């Protein structure tokens, strides 16, 4: 899940990119309202957890563990077909998150 690492690994205007990613995931994976809500909640929870880790002087290992936890939560929300589409479109999602930052 390299695009999640790039998305959450650095600073920048993540709010807009998170919304764009959520919109793309919802359309591509045909997420139902419940799945979309849970994905959004997972993104928000990770951002808060990451912020708390950083403010407490935590290290990259703690952030990586939180990221892995979020990725596991997201994967658990998807059915097998959605997981295949997600994997096939990973480069697209990474591109969405990198847009305009080079």
C-alpha atoms as a PDB file:
ATOM      1  CA  UNK A   1       0.000   0.000   0.000  1.00  0.00           C
ATOM      2  CA  UNK A   2       2.674   2.448  -1.061  1.00  0.00           C
ATOM      3  CA  UNK A   3       0.262   5.245  -1.828  1.00  0.00           C
ATOM      4  CA  UNK A   4      -0.888   5.287   1.795  1.00  0.00           C
ATOM      5  CA  UNK A   5       2.705   5.701   2.882  1.00  0.00           C
ATOM      6  CA  UNK A   6       3.180   8.652   0.573  1.00  0.00           C
ATOM      7  CA  UNK A   7      -0.179  10.112   1.477  1.00  0.00           C
ATOM      8  CA  UNK A   8       0.292   9.989   5.213  1.00  0.00           C
ATOM      9  CA  UNK A   9       4.066  10.113   5.389  1.00  0.00           C
ATOM     10  CA  UNK A  10       4.612  13.792   4.701  1.00  0.00           C
ATOM     11  CA  UNK A  11       3.168  17.205   5.322  1.00  0.00           C
ATOM     12  CA  UNK A  12       1.150  19.286   2.940  1.00  0.00           C
ATOM     13  CA  UNK A  13      -2.476  19.894   2.183  1.00  0.00           C
ATOM     14  CA  UNK A  14      -3.783  16.439   2.976  1.00  0.00           C
ATOM     15  CA  UNK A  15      -7.432  17.373   3.539  1.00  0.00           C
ATOM     16  CA  UNK A  16      -8.117  17.951  -0.129  1.00  0.00           C
ATOM     17  CA  UNK A  17      -6.156  14.934  -1.217  1.00  0.00           C
ATOM     18  CA  UNK A  18      -7.915  12.730   1.333  1.00  0.00           C
ATOM     19  CA  UNK A  19     -11.303  13.865   0.009  1.00  0.00           C
ATOM     20  CA  UNK A  20     -10.171  13.254  -3.567  1.00  0.00           C
ATOM     21  CA  UNK A  21      -8.868   9.803  -2.669  1.00  0.00           C
ATOM     22  CA  UNK A  22     -12.087   8.922  -0.858  1.00  0.00           C
ATOM     23  CA  UNK A  23     -14.129  10.021  -3.866  1.00  0.00           C
ATOM     24  CA  UNK A  24     -11.995   7.936  -6.210  1.00  0.00           C
ATOM     25  CA  UNK A  25     -12.085   4.881  -3.939  1.00  0.00           C
ATOM     26  CA  UNK A  26     -15.855   5.191  -3.593  1.00  0.00           C
ATOM     27  CA  UNK A  27     -16.378   5.330  -7.355  1.00  0.00           C
ATOM     28  CA  UNK A  28     -13.788   2.733  -8.390  1.00  0.00           C
ATOM     29  CA  UNK A  29     -14.619   0.186  -5.709  1.00  0.00           C
ATOM     30  CA  UNK A  30     -18.342   0.907  -5.744  1.00  0.00           C
ATOM     31  CA  UNK A  31     -18.248   1.410  -1.978  1.00  0.00           C
ATOM     32  CA  UNK A  32     -21.607   1.519  -0.301  1.00  0.00           C
ATOM     33  CA  UNK A  33     -22.415   4.346   2.097  1.00  0.00           C
ATOM     34  CA  UNK A  34     -21.355   2.312   5.113  1.00  0.00           C
ATOM     35  CA  UNK A  35     -17.984   1.386   3.585  1.00  0.00           C
ATOM     36  CA  UNK A  36     -17.300   4.970   2.480  1.00  0.00           C
ATOM     37  CA  UNK A  37     -18.107   6.229   5.960  1.00  0.00           C
ATOM     38  CA  UNK A  38     -15.808   3.667   7.558  1.00  0.00           C
ATOM     39  CA  UNK A  39     -12.960   4.514   5.147  1.00  0.00           C
ATOM     40  CA  UNK A  40     -13.358   8.199   5.981  1.00  0.00           C
ATOM     41  CA  UNK A  41     -13.378   7.405   9.691  1.00  0.00           C
ATOM     42  CA  UNK A  42     -10.226   5.297   9.322  1.00  0.00           C
ATOM     43  CA  UNK A  43      -8.444   8.148   7.505  1.00  0.00           C
ATOM     44  CA  UNK A  44      -9.477  10.647  10.194  1.00  0.00           C
ATOM     45  CA  UNK A  45      -8.540   8.329  13.049  1.00  0.00           C
ATOM     46  CA  UNK A  46      -5.118   7.731  11.518  1.00  0.00           C
ATOM     47  CA  UNK A  47      -4.490  11.453  11.058  1.00  0.00           C
ATOM     48  CA  UNK A  48      -5.350  12.072  14.712  1.00  0.00           C
ATOM     49  CA  UNK A  49      -3.270   9.136  15.894  1.00  0.00           C
ATOM     50  CA  UNK A  50      -0.318  10.287  13.790  1.00  0.00           C
ATOM     51  CA  UNK A  51      -0.621  13.792  15.184  1.00  0.00           C
ATOM     52  CA  UNK A  52      -0.698  12.452  18.760  1.00  0.00           C
ATOM     53  CA  UNK A  53       2.342  10.242  18.150  1.00  0.00           C
ATOM     54  CA  UNK A  54       4.308  13.170  16.721  1.00  0.00           C
ATOM     55  CA  UNK A  55       3.332  15.557  19.515  1.00  0.00           C
ATOM     56  CA  UNK A  56       4.358  12.980  22.109  1.00  0.00           C
ATOM     57  CA  UNK A  57       7.764  12.680  20.480  1.00  0.00           C
ATOM     58  CA  UNK A  58       7.002   9.267  19.032  1.00  0.00           C
ATOM     59  CA  UNK A  59       9.120   7.699  16.364  1.00  0.00           C
ATOM     60  CA  UNK A  60       8.521   6.583  12.798  1.00  0.00           C
ATOM     61  CA  UNK A  61       8.060   3.007  13.981  1.00  0.00           C
ATOM     62  CA  UNK A  62       4.973   3.993  15.954  1.00  0.00           C
ATOM     63  CA  UNK A  63       3.581   5.873  12.960  1.00  0.00           C
ATOM     64  CA  UNK A  64       4.310   2.867  10.730  1.00  0.00           C
ATOM     65  CA  UNK A  65       2.437   0.592  13.160  1.00  0.00           C
ATOM     66  CA  UNK A  66      -0.547   2.966  13.143  1.00  0.00           C
ATOM     67  CA  UNK A  67      -0.435   3.045   9.333  1.00  0.00           C
ATOM     68  CA  UNK A  68      -0.413  -0.759   9.178  1.00  0.00           C
ATOM     69  CA  UNK A  69      -3.385  -0.873  11.530  1.00  0.00           C
ATOM     70  CA  UNK A  70      -5.317   1.553   9.307  1.00  0.00           C
ATOM     71  CA  UNK A  71      -4.431  -0.420   6.179  1.00  0.00           C
ATOM     72  CA  UNK A  72      -5.678  -3.610   7.829  1.00  0.00           C
ATOM     73  CA  UNK A  73      -8.932  -1.888   8.757  1.00  0.00           C
ATOM     74  CA  UNK A  74      -9.428  -0.710   5.179  1.00  0.00           C
ATOM     75  CA  UNK A  75      -8.655  -4.107   3.705  1.00  0.00           C
ATOM     76  CA  UNK A  76     -11.124  -5.753   6.077  1.00  0.00           C
ATOM     77  CA  UNK A  77     -13.892  -3.495   4.746  1.00  0.00           C
ATOM     78  CA  UNK A  78     -13.502  -4.690   1.156  1.00  0.00           C
ATOM     79  CA  UNK A  79     -14.871  -7.784  -0.508  1.00  0.00           C
ATOM     80  CA  UNK A  80     -12.607  -9.895  -2.728  1.00  0.00           C
ATOM     81  CA  UNK A  81     -13.593  -8.101  -5.940  1.00  0.00           C
ATOM     82  CA  UNK A  82     -12.986  -4.693  -4.346  1.00  0.00           C
ATOM     83  CA  UNK A  83      -9.569  -5.832  -3.112  1.00  0.00           C
ATOM     84  CA  UNK A  84      -8.606  -6.829  -6.669  1.00  0.00           C
ATOM     85  CA  UNK A  85      -9.732  -3.468  -8.070  1.00  0.00           C
ATOM     86  CA  UNK A  86      -7.929  -1.664  -5.246  1.00  0.00           C
ATOM     87  CA  UNK A  87      -4.664  -3.467  -6.032  1.00  0.00           C
ATOM     88  CA  UNK A  88      -5.034  -2.906  -9.773  1.00  0.00           C
ATOM     89  CA  UNK A  89      -5.567   0.850  -9.265  1.00  0.00           C
ATOM     90  CA  UNK A  90      -2.838   1.453  -6.673  1.00  0.00           C
ATOM     91  CA  UNK A  91      -0.753   3.503  -9.140  1.00  0.00           C
ATOM     92  CA  UNK A  92      -3.763   5.671  -9.969  1.00  0.00           C
ATOM     93  CA  UNK A  93      -4.404   6.411  -6.291  1.00  0.00           C
ATOM     94  CA  UNK A  94      -0.737   7.208  -5.746  1.00  0.00           C
ATOM     95  CA  UNK A  95      -0.903   9.635  -8.674  1.00  0.00           C
ATOM     96  CA  UNK A  96      -3.922  11.380  -7.154  1.00  0.00           C
ATOM     97  CA  UNK A  97      -2.020  11.935  -3.948  1.00  0.00           C
ATOM     98  CA  UNK A  98       1.137  13.192  -5.660  1.00  0.00           C
ATOM     99  CA  UNK A  99      -0.627  15.543  -8.068  1.00  0.00           C
ATOM    100  CA  UNK A 100       0.977  18.965  -8.175  1.00  0.00           C
ATOM    101  CA  UNK A 101       3.647  18.276  -5.563  1.00  0.00           C
ATOM    102  CA  UNK A 102       6.781  17.846  -7.659  1.00  0.00           C
END
